PDB file of all heavy atoms in Angstrom:
ATOM      1  N   LEU A   1      13.906  -7.371  -8.228  1.00  0.00           N
ATOM      2  CA  LEU A   1      14.671  -7.395  -6.980  1.00  0.00           C
ATOM      3  C   LEU A   1      14.449  -8.707  -6.241  1.00  0.00           C
ATOM      4  O   LEU A   1      13.544  -9.479  -6.568  1.00  0.00           O
ATOM      5  CB  LEU A   1      14.327  -6.197  -6.090  1.00  0.00           C
ATOM      6  CG  LEU A   1      12.878  -5.954  -5.676  1.00  0.00           C
ATOM      7  CD1 LEU A   1      12.475  -6.838  -4.525  1.00  0.00           C
ATOM      8  CD2 LEU A   1      12.686  -4.492  -5.294  1.00  0.00           C
ATOM      9  N   LEU A   2      15.309  -8.949  -5.277  1.00  0.00           N
ATOM     10  CA  LEU A   2      15.225 -10.160  -4.468  1.00  0.00           C
ATOM     11  C   LEU A   2      14.493  -9.818  -3.174  1.00  0.00           C
ATOM     12  O   LEU A   2      14.958  -8.996  -2.397  1.00  0.00           O
ATOM     13  CB  LEU A   2      16.634 -10.685  -4.152  1.00  0.00           C
ATOM     14  CG  LEU A   2      16.733 -12.098  -3.563  1.00  0.00           C
ATOM     15  CD1 LEU A   2      16.281 -13.135  -4.576  1.00  0.00           C
ATOM     16  CD2 LEU A   2      18.152 -12.381  -3.106  1.00  0.00           C
ATOM     17  N   GLY A   3      13.336 -10.465  -2.972  1.00  0.00           N
ATOM     18  CA  GLY A   3      12.565 -10.158  -1.767  1.00  0.00           C
ATOM     19  C   GLY A   3      11.455 -11.169  -1.544  1.00  0.00           C
ATOM     20  O   GLY A   3      11.218 -12.052  -2.373  1.00  0.00           O
ATOM     21  N   ASP A   4      10.801 -11.029  -0.429  1.00  0.00           N
ATOM     22  CA  ASP A   4       9.657 -11.883  -0.083  1.00  0.00           C
ATOM     23  C   ASP A   4       8.418 -11.243  -0.693  1.00  0.00           C
ATOM     24  O   ASP A   4       7.952 -10.195  -0.240  1.00  0.00           O
ATOM     25  CB  ASP A   4       9.523 -11.980   1.440  1.00  0.00           C
ATOM     26  CG  ASP A   4       8.496 -13.004   1.873  1.00  0.00           C
ATOM     27  OD1 ASP A   4       7.391 -13.000   1.292  1.00  0.00           O
ATOM     28  OD2 ASP A   4       8.781 -13.787   2.795  1.00  0.00           O
ATOM     29  N   SER A   5       7.865 -11.870  -1.728  1.00  0.00           N
ATOM     30  CA  SER A   5       6.756 -11.265  -2.476  1.00  0.00           C
ATOM     31  C   SER A   5       5.520 -11.043  -1.606  1.00  0.00           C
ATOM     32  O   SER A   5       4.878  -9.995  -1.682  1.00  0.00           O
ATOM     33  CB  SER A   5       6.404 -12.145  -3.686  1.00  0.00           C
ATOM     34  OG  SER A   5       6.093 -13.462  -3.264  1.00  0.00           O
ATOM     35  N   ASP A   6       5.193 -12.025  -0.762  1.00  0.00           N
ATOM     36  CA  ASP A   6       4.006 -11.884   0.102  1.00  0.00           C
ATOM     37  C   ASP A   6       4.170 -10.744   1.094  1.00  0.00           C
ATOM     38  O   ASP A   6       3.250  -9.945   1.312  1.00  0.00           O
ATOM     39  CB  ASP A   6       3.741 -13.191   0.858  1.00  0.00           C
ATOM     40  CG  ASP A   6       3.292 -14.308  -0.063  1.00  0.00           C
ATOM     41  OD1 ASP A   6       2.745 -13.991  -1.140  1.00  0.00           O
ATOM     42  OD2 ASP A   6       3.498 -15.484   0.279  1.00  0.00           O
ATOM     43  N   LYS A   7       5.357 -10.661   1.710  1.00  0.00           N
ATOM     44  CA  LYS A   7       5.589  -9.631   2.721  1.00  0.00           C
ATOM     45  C   LYS A   7       5.636  -8.239   2.089  1.00  0.00           C
ATOM     46  O   LYS A   7       5.068  -7.285   2.628  1.00  0.00           O
ATOM     47  CB  LYS A   7       6.900  -9.897   3.476  1.00  0.00           C
ATOM     48  CG  LYS A   7       7.003 -11.257   4.156  1.00  0.00           C
ATOM     49  CD  LYS A   7       6.028 -11.404   5.281  1.00  0.00           C
ATOM     50  CE  LYS A   7       6.287 -12.662   6.110  1.00  0.00           C
ATOM     51  NZ  LYS A   7       6.277 -13.899   5.348  1.00  0.00           N
ATOM     52  N   LEU A   8       6.316  -8.110   0.942  1.00  0.00           N
ATOM     53  CA  LEU A   8       6.393  -6.810   0.270  1.00  0.00           C
ATOM     54  C   LEU A   8       5.020  -6.388  -0.258  1.00  0.00           C
ATOM     55  O   LEU A   8       4.680  -5.197  -0.249  1.00  0.00           O
ATOM     56  CB  LEU A   8       7.412  -6.846  -0.873  1.00  0.00           C
ATOM     57  CG  LEU A   8       8.884  -6.857  -0.442  1.00  0.00           C
ATOM     58  CD1 LEU A   8       9.785  -6.992  -1.651  1.00  0.00           C
ATOM     59  CD2 LEU A   8       9.235  -5.590   0.341  1.00  0.00           C
ATOM     60  N   ALA A   9       4.225  -7.366  -0.698  1.00  0.00           N
ATOM     61  CA  ALA A   9       2.857  -7.046  -1.129  1.00  0.00           C
ATOM     62  C   ALA A   9       2.070  -6.450   0.028  1.00  0.00           C
ATOM     63  O   ALA A   9       1.270  -5.518  -0.151  1.00  0.00           O
ATOM     64  CB  ALA A   9       2.171  -8.310  -1.649  1.00  0.00           C
ATOM     65  N   ARG A  10       2.307  -6.959   1.219  1.00  0.00           N
ATOM     66  CA  ARG A  10       1.626  -6.429   2.396  1.00  0.00           C
ATOM     67  C   ARG A  10       2.084  -5.005   2.695  1.00  0.00           C
ATOM     68  O   ARG A  10       1.293  -4.160   3.098  1.00  0.00           O
ATOM     69  CB  ARG A  10       1.896  -7.323   3.605  1.00  0.00           C
ATOM     70  CG  ARG A  10       1.081  -6.946   4.824  1.00  0.00           C
ATOM     71  CD  ARG A  10       1.209  -7.949   5.924  1.00  0.00           C
ATOM     72  NE  ARG A  10       0.304  -7.637   7.025  1.00  0.00           N
ATOM     73  CZ  ARG A  10       0.242  -8.315   8.154  1.00  0.00           C
ATOM     74  NH1 ARG A  10       1.027  -9.357   8.338  1.00  0.00           N
ATOM     75  NH2 ARG A  10      -0.607  -7.969   9.095  1.00  0.00           N
ATOM     76  N   VAL A  11       3.376  -4.744   2.480  1.00  0.00           N
ATOM     77  CA  VAL A  11       3.903  -3.388   2.695  1.00  0.00           C
ATOM     78  C   VAL A  11       3.160  -2.388   1.817  1.00  0.00           C
ATOM     79  O   VAL A  11       2.609  -1.388   2.302  1.00  0.00           O
ATOM     80  CB  VAL A  11       5.422  -3.331   2.381  1.00  0.00           C
ATOM     81  CG1 VAL A  11       5.902  -1.880   2.318  1.00  0.00           C
ATOM     82  CG2 VAL A  11       6.209  -4.104   3.406  1.00  0.00           C
ATOM     83  N   PHE A  12       3.133  -2.664   0.504  1.00  0.00           N
ATOM     84  CA  PHE A  12       2.520  -1.718  -0.436  1.00  0.00           C
ATOM     85  C   PHE A  12       1.006  -1.654  -0.257  1.00  0.00           C
ATOM     86  O   PHE A  12       0.405  -0.585  -0.378  1.00  0.00           O
ATOM     87  CB  PHE A  12       2.896  -2.096  -1.873  1.00  0.00           C
ATOM     88  CG  PHE A  12       4.365  -1.968  -2.152  1.00  0.00           C
ATOM     89  CD1 PHE A  12       5.130  -3.085  -2.440  1.00  0.00           C
ATOM     90  CD2 PHE A  12       4.992  -0.740  -2.097  1.00  0.00           C
ATOM     91  CE1 PHE A  12       6.495  -2.968  -2.678  1.00  0.00           C
ATOM     92  CE2 PHE A  12       6.353  -0.598  -2.333  1.00  0.00           C
ATOM     93  CZ  PHE A  12       7.105  -1.731  -2.619  1.00  0.00           C
ATOM     94  N   SER A  13       0.401  -2.783   0.062  1.00  0.00           N
ATOM     95  CA  SER A  13      -1.045  -2.805   0.302  1.00  0.00           C
ATOM     96  C   SER A  13      -1.397  -1.935   1.514  1.00  0.00           C
ATOM     97  O   SER A  13      -2.352  -1.145   1.471  1.00  0.00           O
ATOM     98  CB  SER A  13      -1.514  -4.246   0.528  1.00  0.00           C
ATOM     99  OG  SER A  13      -2.899  -4.284   0.768  1.00  0.00           O
ATOM    100  N   ASN A  14      -0.602  -2.055   2.592  1.00  0.00           N
ATOM    101  CA  ASN A  14      -0.862  -1.265   3.800  1.00  0.00           C
ATOM    102  C   ASN A  14      -0.712   0.229   3.548  1.00  0.00           C
ATOM    103  O   ASN A  14      -1.525   1.036   3.992  1.00  0.00           O
ATOM    104  CB  ASN A  14       0.073  -1.686   4.931  1.00  0.00           C
ATOM    105  CG  ASN A  14      -0.285  -3.035   5.526  1.00  0.00           C
ATOM    106  OD1 ASN A  14      -1.353  -3.571   5.259  1.00  0.00           O
ATOM    107  ND2 ASN A  14       0.601  -3.591   6.322  1.00  0.00           N
ATOM    108  N   ILE A  15       0.354   0.601   2.824  1.00  0.00           N
ATOM    109  CA  ILE A  15       0.615   2.024   2.593  1.00  0.00           C
ATOM    110  C   ILE A  15      -0.388   2.609   1.604  1.00  0.00           C
ATOM    111  O   ILE A  15      -0.873   3.743   1.777  1.00  0.00           O
ATOM    112  CB  ILE A  15       2.068   2.235   2.120  1.00  0.00           C
ATOM    113  CG1 ILE A  15       3.038   1.833   3.243  1.00  0.00           C
ATOM    114  CG2 ILE A  15       2.310   3.695   1.724  1.00  0.00           C
ATOM    115  CD1 ILE A  15       4.501   1.931   2.888  1.00  0.00           C
ATOM    116  N   ILE A  16      -0.723   1.847   0.555  1.00  0.00           N
ATOM    117  CA  ILE A  16      -1.720   2.325  -0.413  1.00  0.00           C
ATOM    118  C   ILE A  16      -3.091   2.459   0.261  1.00  0.00           C
ATOM    119  O   ILE A  16      -3.822   3.429   0.031  1.00  0.00           O
ATOM    120  CB  ILE A  16      -1.796   1.383  -1.631  1.00  0.00           C
ATOM    121  CG1 ILE A  16      -0.490   1.461  -2.436  1.00  0.00           C
ATOM    122  CG2 ILE A  16      -2.979   1.749  -2.531  1.00  0.00           C
ATOM    123  CD1 ILE A  16      -0.362   0.415  -3.520  1.00  0.00           C
ATOM    124  N   LYS A  17      -3.423   1.482   1.106  1.00  0.00           N
ATOM    125  CA  LYS A  17      -4.692   1.547   1.844  1.00  0.00           C
ATOM    126  C   LYS A  17      -4.734   2.794   2.711  1.00  0.00           C
ATOM    127  O   LYS A  17      -5.770   3.478   2.800  1.00  0.00           O
ATOM    128  CB  LYS A  17      -4.845   0.299   2.711  1.00  0.00           C
ATOM    129  CG  LYS A  17      -6.154   0.246   3.487  1.00  0.00           C
ATOM    130  CD  LYS A  17      -6.225  -1.012   4.326  1.00  0.00           C
ATOM    131  CE  LYS A  17      -7.532  -1.055   5.134  1.00  0.00           C
ATOM    132  NZ  LYS A  17      -7.591  -2.274   5.990  1.00  0.00           N
ATOM    133  N   ASN A  18      -3.612   3.103   3.354  1.00  0.00           N
ATOM    134  CA  ASN A  18      -3.520   4.307   4.182  1.00  0.00           C
ATOM    135  C   ASN A  18      -3.742   5.555   3.332  1.00  0.00           C
ATOM    136  O   ASN A  18      -4.454   6.484   3.733  1.00  0.00           O
ATOM    137  CB  ASN A  18      -2.140   4.352   4.845  1.00  0.00           C
ATOM    138  CG  ASN A  18      -2.000   5.500   5.830  1.00  0.00           C
ATOM    139  OD1 ASN A  18      -2.431   5.421   6.958  1.00  0.00           O
ATOM    140  ND2 ASN A  18      -1.390   6.590   5.366  1.00  0.00           N
ATOM    141  N   ALA A  19      -3.128   5.570   2.123  1.00  0.00           N
ATOM    142  CA  ALA A  19      -3.273   6.718   1.219  1.00  0.00           C
ATOM    143  C   ALA A  19      -4.714   6.868   0.752  1.00  0.00           C
ATOM    144  O   ALA A  19      -5.239   7.984   0.669  1.00  0.00           O
ATOM    145  CB  ALA A  19      -2.338   6.551   0.027  1.00  0.00           C
ATOM    146  N   VAL A  20      -5.373   5.756   0.468  1.00  0.00           N
ATOM    147  CA  VAL A  20      -6.768   5.786   0.023  1.00  0.00           C
ATOM    148  C   VAL A  20      -7.670   6.300   1.142  1.00  0.00           C
ATOM    149  O   VAL A  20      -8.536   7.149   0.938  1.00  0.00           O
ATOM    150  CB  VAL A  20      -7.228   4.382  -0.442  1.00  0.00           C
ATOM    151  CG1 VAL A  20      -8.724   4.372  -0.693  1.00  0.00           C
ATOM    152  CG2 VAL A  20      -6.478   3.963  -1.696  1.00  0.00           C
ATOM    153  N   ASN A  21      -7.470   5.804   2.349  1.00  0.00           N
ATOM    154  CA  ASN A  21      -8.327   6.174   3.481  1.00  0.00           C
ATOM    155  C   ASN A  21      -8.203   7.642   3.868  1.00  0.00           C
ATOM    156  O   ASN A  21      -9.180   8.273   4.263  1.00  0.00           O
ATOM    157  CB  ASN A  21      -7.991   5.302   4.699  1.00  0.00           C
ATOM    158  CG  ASN A  21      -8.515   3.890   4.558  1.00  0.00           C
ATOM    159  OD1 ASN A  21      -9.429   3.623   3.781  1.00  0.00           O
ATOM    160  ND2 ASN A  21      -7.932   2.968   5.295  1.00  0.00           N
ATOM    161  N   TYR A  22      -6.984   8.183   3.767  1.00  0.00           N
ATOM    162  CA  TYR A  22      -6.747   9.523   4.285  1.00  0.00           C
ATOM    163  C   TYR A  22      -6.645  10.596   3.197  1.00  0.00           C
ATOM    164  O   TYR A  22      -6.368  11.748   3.509  1.00  0.00           O
ATOM    165  CB  TYR A  22      -5.479   9.537   5.140  1.00  0.00           C
ATOM    166  CG  TYR A  22      -5.656   8.834   6.469  1.00  0.00           C
ATOM    167  CD1 TYR A  22      -5.250   7.514   6.635  1.00  0.00           C
ATOM    168  CD2 TYR A  22      -6.250   9.479   7.546  1.00  0.00           C
ATOM    169  CE1 TYR A  22      -5.423   6.858   7.850  1.00  0.00           C
ATOM    170  CE2 TYR A  22      -6.424   8.838   8.766  1.00  0.00           C
ATOM    171  CZ  TYR A  22      -6.013   7.526   8.908  1.00  0.00           C
ATOM    172  OH  TYR A  22      -6.190   6.884  10.098  1.00  0.00           O
ATOM    173  N   SER A  23      -6.838  10.236   1.944  1.00  0.00           N
ATOM    174  CA  SER A  23      -6.785  11.237   0.871  1.00  0.00           C
ATOM    175  C   SER A  23      -8.124  11.945   0.743  1.00  0.00           C
ATOM    176  O   SER A  23      -9.157  11.455   1.212  1.00  0.00           O
ATOM    177  CB  SER A  23      -6.408  10.573  -0.457  1.00  0.00           C
ATOM    178  OG  SER A  23      -7.341   9.556  -0.785  1.00  0.00           O
ATOM    179  N   LEU A  24      -8.086  13.103   0.108  1.00  0.00           N
ATOM    180  CA  LEU A  24      -9.306  13.886  -0.081  1.00  0.00           C
ATOM    181  C   LEU A  24     -10.254  13.181  -1.041  1.00  0.00           C
ATOM    182  O   LEU A  24      -9.831  12.378  -1.886  1.00  0.00           O
ATOM    183  CB  LEU A  24      -8.947  15.269  -0.628  1.00  0.00           C
ATOM    184  CG  LEU A  24      -8.088  16.171   0.281  1.00  0.00           C
ATOM    185  CD1 LEU A  24      -7.708  17.442  -0.456  1.00  0.00           C
ATOM    186  CD2 LEU A  24      -8.815  16.495   1.576  1.00  0.00           C
ATOM    187  N   ASP A  25     -11.526  13.492  -0.929  1.00  0.00           N
ATOM    188  CA  ASP A  25     -12.524  12.891  -1.824  1.00  0.00           C
ATOM    189  C   ASP A  25     -12.228  13.259  -3.276  1.00  0.00           C
ATOM    190  O   ASP A  25     -11.809  14.389  -3.586  1.00  0.00           O
ATOM    191  CB  ASP A  25     -13.930  13.384  -1.452  1.00  0.00           C
ATOM    192  CG  ASP A  25     -14.365  12.877  -0.080  1.00  0.00           C
ATOM    193  OD1 ASP A  25     -13.789  11.863   0.376  1.00  0.00           O
ATOM    194  OD2 ASP A  25     -15.252  13.503   0.536  1.00  0.00           O
ATOM    195  N   SER A  26     -12.467  12.289  -4.161  1.00  0.00           N
ATOM    196  CA  SER A  26     -12.305  12.484  -5.617  1.00  0.00           C
ATOM    197  C   SER A  26     -10.895  12.960  -5.979  1.00  0.00           C
ATOM    198  O   SER A  26     -10.710  13.737  -6.925  1.00  0.00           O
ATOM    199  CB  SER A  26     -13.340  13.486  -6.140  1.00  0.00           C
ATOM    200  OG  SER A  26     -14.641  13.075  -5.796  1.00  0.00           O
ATOM    201  N   SER A  27      -9.894  12.514  -5.241  1.00  0.00           N
ATOM    202  CA  SER A  27      -8.509  12.934  -5.511  1.00  0.00           C
ATOM    203  C   SER A  27      -7.724  11.816  -6.181  1.00  0.00           C
ATOM    204  O   SER A  27      -8.186  10.680  -6.292  1.00  0.00           O
ATOM    205  CB  SER A  27      -7.811  13.369  -4.224  1.00  0.00           C
ATOM    206  OG  SER A  27      -7.743  12.290  -3.315  1.00  0.00           O
TER     207      SER A  27
END
């Protein structure tokens, strides 16, 4: 796709980080 790689990387990094922080242990 056509996009800003740095900015989109930040999008996925932020959301994945959120998922890691708020997910259950050992999940």
